[in-house]
Protein backbone atom coordinates (compact mmCIF):
# COMPACT_ATOMS: atom_id res chain seq x y z
CA MET A 1 -22.40 -1.75 -3.46
CA SER A 2 -19.90 -4.40 -4.59
CA ASN A 3 -18.59 -6.99 -2.13
CA ARG A 4 -15.63 -7.72 -4.41
CA ALA A 5 -12.34 -7.88 -2.54
CA VAL A 6 -9.73 -5.32 -3.56
CA LEU A 7 -6.60 -6.68 -5.23
CA GLU A 8 -3.70 -4.22 -5.41
CA VAL A 9 -0.59 -5.08 -7.46
CA ILE A 10 2.81 -3.38 -7.47
CA ALA A 11 3.67 -1.90 -10.87
CA LEU A 12 7.08 -0.61 -11.90
CA ASP A 13 6.10 0.51 -15.39
CA ALA A 14 3.30 0.58 -17.95
CA GLU A 15 3.93 -3.02 -19.02
CA ASP A 16 3.35 -4.16 -15.44
CA ALA A 17 0.23 -2.01 -15.22
CA VAL A 18 -1.33 -3.46 -18.37
CA ALA A 19 -0.65 -7.04 -17.25
CA ALA A 20 -2.00 -6.38 -13.75
CA ARG A 21 -5.15 -4.82 -15.19
CA ALA A 22 -5.61 -7.76 -17.59
CA GLY A 23 -5.32 -10.19 -14.67
CA GLY A 24 -8.03 -8.46 -12.67
CA ALA A 25 -6.17 -6.03 -10.40
CA ASP A 26 -8.38 -3.31 -8.95
CA ARG A 27 -5.59 -0.89 -8.12
CA LEU A 28 -1.84 -0.41 -8.57
CA GLU A 29 0.89 0.67 -6.20
CA VAL A 30 3.40 2.51 -8.38
CA VAL A 31 7.03 2.42 -7.23
CA THR A 32 10.58 2.13 -8.42
CA ASP A 33 13.67 0.37 -7.00
CA MET A 34 12.35 -2.69 -5.24
CA ALA A 35 15.89 -3.38 -4.00
CA ALA A 36 15.06 -0.57 -1.55
CA ASP A 37 11.53 -1.95 -0.97
CA GLY A 38 9.94 0.62 -3.28
CA LEU A 39 10.76 4.30 -3.78
CA THR A 40 9.01 7.20 -5.52
CA PRO A 41 8.82 6.61 -9.28
CA SER A 42 9.51 9.25 -11.91
CA PRO A 43 6.72 11.57 -13.08
CA LYS A 44 7.22 10.09 -16.55
CA THR A 45 6.48 6.58 -15.28
CA VAL A 46 3.34 7.77 -13.52
CA ALA A 47 2.16 9.53 -16.69
CA GLU A 48 2.80 6.43 -18.82
CA ILE A 49 0.89 4.20 -16.42
CA ARG A 50 -2.03 6.61 -16.21
CA SER A 51 -2.21 6.59 -20.00
CA ALA A 52 -1.99 2.79 -20.20
CA VAL A 53 -4.70 1.73 -17.73
CA ASP A 54 -7.97 2.99 -16.33
CA ILE A 55 -7.75 1.61 -12.79
CA PRO A 56 -6.72 3.66 -9.73
CA LEU A 57 -3.05 3.92 -8.86
CA ARG A 58 -1.36 4.90 -5.64
CA VAL A 59 2.05 6.51 -5.96
CA MET A 60 4.75 5.81 -3.39
CA LEU A 61 6.23 8.84 -1.60
CA ARG A 62 9.53 7.53 -0.21
CA ILE A 63 13.05 8.59 -1.17
CA ALA A 64 15.30 6.29 0.87
CA ASP A 65 15.39 2.72 2.11
CA GLY A 66 14.05 2.36 5.63
CA PHE A 67 11.32 4.33 7.34
CA ALA A 68 13.01 7.63 8.20
CA VAL A 69 11.62 10.50 6.12
CA GLY A 70 14.98 11.75 4.83
CA ASP A 71 14.84 15.15 3.12
CA ILE A 72 11.25 16.28 3.70
CA ASP A 73 11.63 19.25 1.33
CA GLU A 74 12.63 16.91 -1.49
CA LEU A 75 9.72 14.62 -0.69
CA VAL A 76 7.24 17.50 -0.69
CA GLU A 77 8.55 18.57 -4.09
CA LYS A 78 8.09 15.05 -5.42
CA ALA A 79 4.52 15.06 -4.15
CA ARG A 80 3.92 18.32 -6.04
CA GLU A 81 5.37 16.80 -9.21
CA MET A 82 3.13 13.75 -8.92
CA ARG A 83 0.03 15.83 -8.35
CA ALA A 84 0.92 18.00 -11.34
CA GLU A 85 1.09 14.77 -13.36
CA GLY A 86 -2.44 13.93 -12.27
CA ALA A 87 -1.74 11.47 -9.44
CA GLU A 88 -4.63 11.48 -6.97
CA GLU A 89 -3.77 8.69 -4.51
CA PHE A 90 -0.56 8.03 -2.58
CA VAL A 91 1.35 5.71 -0.24
CA LEU A 92 3.57 6.98 2.59
CA GLY A 93 4.65 6.39 6.18
CA PHE A 94 7.56 7.45 8.39
CA LEU A 95 8.90 6.54 11.81
CA ASP A 96 11.38 8.29 14.09
CA ARG A 97 14.42 6.61 15.64
CA GLU A 98 12.36 5.25 18.52
CA GLY A 99 9.86 3.61 16.19
CA HIS A 100 7.08 6.14 16.77
CA VAL A 101 5.23 7.74 13.88
CA ASP A 102 7.04 10.84 12.57
CA LEU A 103 3.93 12.95 12.82
CA VAL A 104 5.62 16.20 11.78
CA ALA A 105 6.78 14.67 8.48
CA VAL A 106 3.49 12.88 7.82
CA GLU A 107 1.41 15.97 8.55
CA ARG A 108 3.53 18.15 6.27
CA LEU A 109 3.25 15.72 3.40
CA VAL A 110 -0.47 15.15 3.92
CA ALA A 111 -0.98 18.92 3.86
CA GLU A 112 0.67 18.97 0.43
CA LEU A 113 -1.69 16.21 -0.75
CA ASP A 114 -4.63 18.49 0.11
CA GLY A 115 -7.27 15.83 0.70
CA CYS A 116 -5.99 13.10 -1.63
CA ARG A 117 -6.57 9.56 -0.41
CA TRP A 118 -3.52 7.74 0.90
CA THR A 119 -2.23 4.52 2.43
CA PHE A 120 0.03 4.34 5.47
CA HIS A 121 2.36 1.54 4.42
CA ARG A 122 4.22 -1.20 6.25
CA ALA A 123 6.03 1.21 8.56
CA ILE A 124 3.19 0.27 10.91
CA ASP A 125 4.72 -3.22 11.14
CA ARG A 126 7.96 -1.70 12.52
CA ALA A 127 6.21 0.69 14.89
CA ALA A 128 6.94 0.56 18.62
CA ASP A 129 3.20 0.75 19.34
CA ARG A 130 0.70 0.02 16.55
CA GLU A 131 -2.31 1.22 18.49
CA ALA A 132 -0.65 4.51 19.44
CA LEU A 133 0.33 5.06 15.81
CA ARG A 134 -3.28 4.60 14.70
CA LYS A 135 -4.49 7.05 17.34
CA HIS A 136 -1.97 9.70 16.26
CA LEU A 137 -3.01 9.39 12.61
CA ALA A 138 -6.74 9.02 13.17
CA GLU A 139 -7.69 12.62 12.40
CA LEU A 140 -5.49 13.15 9.34
CA PRO A 141 -7.43 13.83 6.14
CA GLY A 142 -7.31 11.29 3.33
CA LEU A 143 -6.02 8.29 5.29
CA ASP A 144 -8.22 5.37 4.22
CA THR A 145 -5.89 2.34 4.24
CA TYR A 146 -3.14 0.61 6.24
CA LEU A 147 -0.88 -1.72 4.24
CA THR A 148 0.23 -4.25 6.83
CA ALA A 149 1.38 -7.82 7.32
CA GLY A 150 0.64 -7.63 11.03
CA SER A 151 4.33 -8.25 11.71
CA ALA A 152 7.70 -7.05 10.45
CA LYS A 153 8.37 -10.73 9.65
CA GLY A 154 5.42 -10.96 7.25
CA VAL A 155 1.92 -12.35 7.10
CA ASP A 156 2.93 -15.81 8.37
CA GLU A 157 3.72 -14.27 11.75
CA GLY A 158 1.22 -11.44 11.58
CA ILE A 159 -2.11 -13.17 10.91
CA PRO A 160 -3.24 -13.05 14.56
CA VAL A 161 -2.62 -9.29 14.65
CA LEU A 162 -4.43 -8.76 11.35
CA LEU A 163 -7.45 -10.71 12.55
CA ALA A 164 -7.51 -8.86 15.87
CA GLU A 165 -7.37 -5.50 14.11
CA ALA A 166 -10.10 -6.54 11.67
CA ALA A 167 -12.30 -7.43 14.66
CA ARG A 168 -11.65 -4.02 16.21
CA ALA A 169 -12.56 -2.38 12.91
CA ALA A 170 -15.78 -4.38 12.73
CA CYS A 171 -16.70 -3.11 16.20
CA GLY A 172 -16.10 0.48 15.15
CA GLN A 173 -13.19 1.07 17.50
CA PRO A 174 -11.70 4.55 16.98
CA GLY A 175 -8.49 4.51 14.96
CA TYR A 176 -9.48 1.36 13.10
CA GLU A 177 -11.69 2.95 10.46
CA PRO A 178 -9.11 2.77 7.62
CA ARG A 179 -9.25 -0.40 5.55
CA ILE A 180 -6.73 -3.16 6.24
CA LEU A 181 -4.76 -3.97 3.08
CA ALA A 182 -3.01 -7.25 3.84
CA GLY A 183 0.40 -7.61 2.25
CA GLY A 184 3.98 -8.61 2.93
CA GLY A 185 4.82 -12.22 2.21
CA LEU A 186 1.17 -12.87 1.39
CA ARG A 187 0.42 -16.26 -0.17
CA LEU A 188 -2.71 -17.78 -1.64
CA GLU A 189 -3.08 -20.16 1.28
CA HIS A 190 -3.45 -17.19 3.64
CA LEU A 191 -6.59 -15.94 1.92
CA PRO A 192 -9.31 -18.18 3.39
CA ARG A 193 -8.44 -17.34 7.00
CA LEU A 194 -8.03 -13.62 6.30
CA VAL A 195 -11.24 -13.36 4.30
CA ALA A 196 -13.14 -15.27 6.98
CA GLY A 197 -11.79 -12.76 9.50
CA GLY A 198 -13.28 -9.85 7.59
CA ILE A 199 -10.27 -8.63 5.61
CA ASP A 200 -11.26 -7.62 2.09
CA ALA A 201 -8.19 -5.98 0.53
CA PHE A 202 -4.93 -7.65 -0.53
CA HIS A 203 -1.59 -6.42 -1.86
CA ILE A 204 0.87 -8.48 -3.92
CA GLY A 205 4.26 -7.77 -5.44
CA GLY A 206 6.55 -10.71 -5.98
CA ALA A 207 3.56 -13.08 -6.11
CA ALA A 208 2.58 -11.46 -9.40
CA ARG A 209 6.04 -12.07 -10.90
CA PRO A 210 6.91 -15.76 -11.37
CA ALA A 211 10.30 -14.75 -12.82
CA GLY A 212 11.14 -12.56 -9.83
CA TRP A 213 11.63 -8.81 -9.67
CA THR A 214 13.77 -8.86 -12.81
CA GLY A 215 10.71 -10.02 -14.77
CA PRO A 216 7.39 -8.30 -15.46
CA VAL A 217 4.03 -8.75 -13.81
CA ASP A 218 2.36 -11.88 -15.22
CA ALA A 219 -1.34 -11.51 -16.03
CA ALA A 220 -1.95 -15.21 -15.40
CA ALA A 221 -0.45 -14.99 -11.92
CA VAL A 222 -2.67 -12.00 -11.08
CA ARG A 223 -5.66 -13.84 -12.54
CA GLU A 224 -5.02 -16.75 -10.14
CA TRP A 225 -5.27 -14.35 -7.20
CA ARG A 226 -8.37 -12.73 -8.64
CA ALA A 227 -10.03 -16.14 -9.04
CA ALA A 228 -9.10 -17.15 -5.48
CA LEU A 229 -10.64 -13.96 -4.09
CA ASP A 230 -13.75 -14.17 -6.22
CA GLY A 231 -14.24 -17.85 -5.54
């Protein structure tokens, strides 16, 4: 079994996907509209990326900025479209107005995914109670990852929470079985402390794009992250 850390890179299109793969990414998060922090891409984009690279990709299921579910019927239909296009892994996460997990929406969408693996994204960082959220989601099929910075303000503020949750996972505490995927303002200098604390999966977006979100993923930038994780 490989001890290689997972490096996930945000891809907006096939060009991004090819560059991320060339730089050593293990997996892609496929989204559109980063001005809204990443929404569901088109089925065409998913198909083009699947044809361009051979690494796993997780497709975002989110139709509006923020963490409210919006139109759940529309979201379920998008999930059906993505599955029909061959998507097998997903990213999702919704909160209600009080900051608690919207379990009705999550359960309905997960039922549509029918056992596909999925990530609960950074909605956990805005949750009123992180531990309660984990307990509510613990029995849902397919949940294998939490994308989290440990804080709504990003990894700089959230490292203590990430390390505490990694320690709980290492002890086998219920609700902490899904992998921690650290992301949200992540920088190379964060890696040594996080890796030493037992975190072995990392998510980058802007860090893979030296020209900003108007430019493509840069293979050399991804390769720098890959080298730092492997070294």
